[in-house]
Protein backbone atom coordinates (compact mmCIF):
# COMPACT_ATOMS: atom_id res chain seq x y z
CA UNK A 1 -29.37 -12.26 24.38
CA UNK A 2 -28.12 -15.06 22.14
CA UNK A 3 -29.13 -15.92 18.62
CA UNK A 4 -28.50 -19.25 16.96
CA UNK A 5 -27.15 -19.44 13.42
CA UNK A 6 -30.39 -20.80 11.93
CA UNK A 7 -32.49 -17.88 13.15
CA UNK A 8 -29.91 -15.36 11.87
CA UNK A 9 -30.06 -16.61 8.28
CA UNK A 10 -31.20 -14.13 5.70
CA UNK A 11 -30.96 -14.87 2.02
CA UNK A 12 -28.34 -12.76 0.26
CA UNK A 13 -29.47 -10.16 -2.23
CA UNK A 14 -29.50 -11.65 -5.73
CA UNK A 15 -26.45 -11.07 -7.85
CA UNK A 16 -22.81 -12.00 -7.86
CA UNK A 17 -20.42 -11.51 -4.96
CA UNK A 18 -16.68 -10.94 -5.21
CA UNK A 19 -14.93 -12.27 -2.13
CA UNK A 20 -11.35 -11.18 -1.59
CA UNK A 21 -9.18 -12.95 0.95
CA UNK A 22 -6.24 -10.69 1.74
CA UNK A 23 -2.87 -10.54 3.46
CA UNK A 24 -1.55 -6.98 3.42
CA UNK A 25 2.21 -6.62 2.90
CA UNK A 26 2.47 -2.82 2.54
CA UNK A 27 -0.05 -0.75 4.50
CA UNK A 28 0.59 2.51 2.62
CA UNK A 29 0.17 0.93 -0.83
CA UNK A 30 -2.86 -0.98 0.38
CA UNK A 31 -4.48 2.23 1.62
CA UNK A 32 -3.91 3.81 -1.79
CA UNK A 33 -5.40 0.78 -3.59
CA UNK A 34 -8.44 0.71 -1.27
CA UNK A 35 -9.07 4.40 -1.82
CA UNK A 36 -9.08 3.98 -5.60
CA UNK A 37 -11.22 0.86 -5.97
CA UNK A 38 -14.66 2.38 -5.15
CA UNK A 39 -14.65 4.64 -8.21
CA UNK A 40 -14.06 1.58 -10.42
CA UNK A 41 -17.22 -0.08 -9.05
CA UNK A 42 -19.65 2.72 -9.95
CA UNK A 43 -20.17 2.00 -13.69
CA UNK A 44 -20.91 -1.68 -12.91
CA UNK A 45 -23.19 -0.96 -9.92
CA UNK A 46 -20.82 -2.74 -7.56
CA UNK A 47 -21.28 -2.07 -3.88
CA UNK A 48 -19.00 -2.76 -0.97
CA UNK A 49 -20.85 -5.09 1.42
CA UNK A 50 -18.15 -5.22 4.07
CA UNK A 51 -14.46 -5.37 4.89
CA UNK A 52 -13.24 -7.20 7.93
CA UNK A 53 -10.57 -9.10 9.77
CA UNK A 54 -10.87 -12.74 10.72
CA UNK A 55 -11.92 -12.98 14.36
CA UNK A 56 -12.17 -16.74 14.72
CA UNK A 57 -11.89 -19.92 12.67
CA UNK A 58 -14.67 -22.32 13.62
CA UNK A 59 -13.49 -25.03 11.24
CA UNK A 60 -10.52 -25.31 8.92
CA UNK A 61 -7.88 -22.73 8.23
CA UNK A 62 -7.85 -19.58 6.11
CA UNK A 63 -4.46 -18.37 4.96
CA UNK A 64 -5.51 -14.72 4.67
CA UNK A 65 -6.71 -12.75 7.72
CA UNK A 66 -8.61 -9.96 5.93
CA UNK A 67 -11.70 -10.17 3.73
CA UNK A 68 -13.70 -7.93 1.44
CA UNK A 69 -17.12 -8.64 -0.06
CA UNK A 70 -18.44 -6.69 -3.05
CA UNK A 71 -21.89 -7.27 -4.56
CA UNK A 72 -22.68 -6.81 -8.25
CA UNK A 73 -26.04 -7.19 -9.98
CA UNK A 74 -24.79 -10.03 -12.19
CA UNK A 75 -21.85 -12.19 -13.11
CA UNK A 76 -21.55 -10.17 -16.32
CA UNK A 77 -21.10 -6.96 -14.37
CA UNK A 78 -18.33 -8.61 -12.31
CA UNK A 79 -16.53 -9.62 -15.49
CA UNK A 80 -16.96 -6.15 -17.01
CA UNK A 81 -15.66 -4.48 -13.84
CA UNK A 82 -12.64 -6.78 -13.52
CA UNK A 83 -11.70 -6.36 -17.19
CA UNK A 84 -12.31 -2.59 -17.22
CA UNK A 85 -9.28 -0.38 -17.91
CA UNK A 86 -9.93 1.43 -14.61
CA UNK A 87 -9.62 -1.74 -12.51
CA UNK A 88 -6.90 -3.32 -14.63
CA UNK A 89 -4.78 -0.21 -13.96
CA UNK A 90 -5.01 -0.95 -10.20
CA UNK A 91 -3.88 -4.58 -10.34
CA UNK A 92 -0.12 -3.80 -10.26
CA UNK A 93 -0.68 -1.66 -7.16
CA UNK A 94 -2.75 -4.44 -5.56
CA UNK A 95 -0.05 -7.01 -6.30
CA UNK A 96 2.61 -4.79 -4.67
CA UNK A 97 0.45 -4.12 -1.63
CA UNK A 98 -1.00 -7.51 -0.75
CA UNK A 99 -1.43 -11.18 -1.48
CA UNK A 100 -5.04 -11.76 -2.50
CA UNK A 101 -7.35 -14.51 -3.62
CA UNK A 102 -10.41 -13.22 -5.51
CA UNK A 103 -13.40 -15.50 -5.84
CA UNK A 104 -16.84 -14.92 -7.35
CA UNK A 105 -20.07 -16.49 -6.10
CA UNK A 106 -23.47 -16.24 -7.76
CA UNK A 107 -26.76 -16.26 -5.87
């Protein structure tokens, strides 16, 4: 069974989405960072939508092979999460473990 892209479209849940494009440099440090991030999301009602590895580039080129998508109820909650002491404390670990681009999209 095949499904075309148009019929697979579903509108995203309203809110703000943090998209991280990632190249891991140190697997052990990255595993530690990943294990500690979920607890920082809870106060801001952030939820992990998915993590994945790039399977195919249909157009263009992405410099980072891994991706993470996190949904928040609002842009304000993204800002509060990112600036929270709990997440700020993880940034040095993240920077040692991987190269990352973090983007935010609003729906």
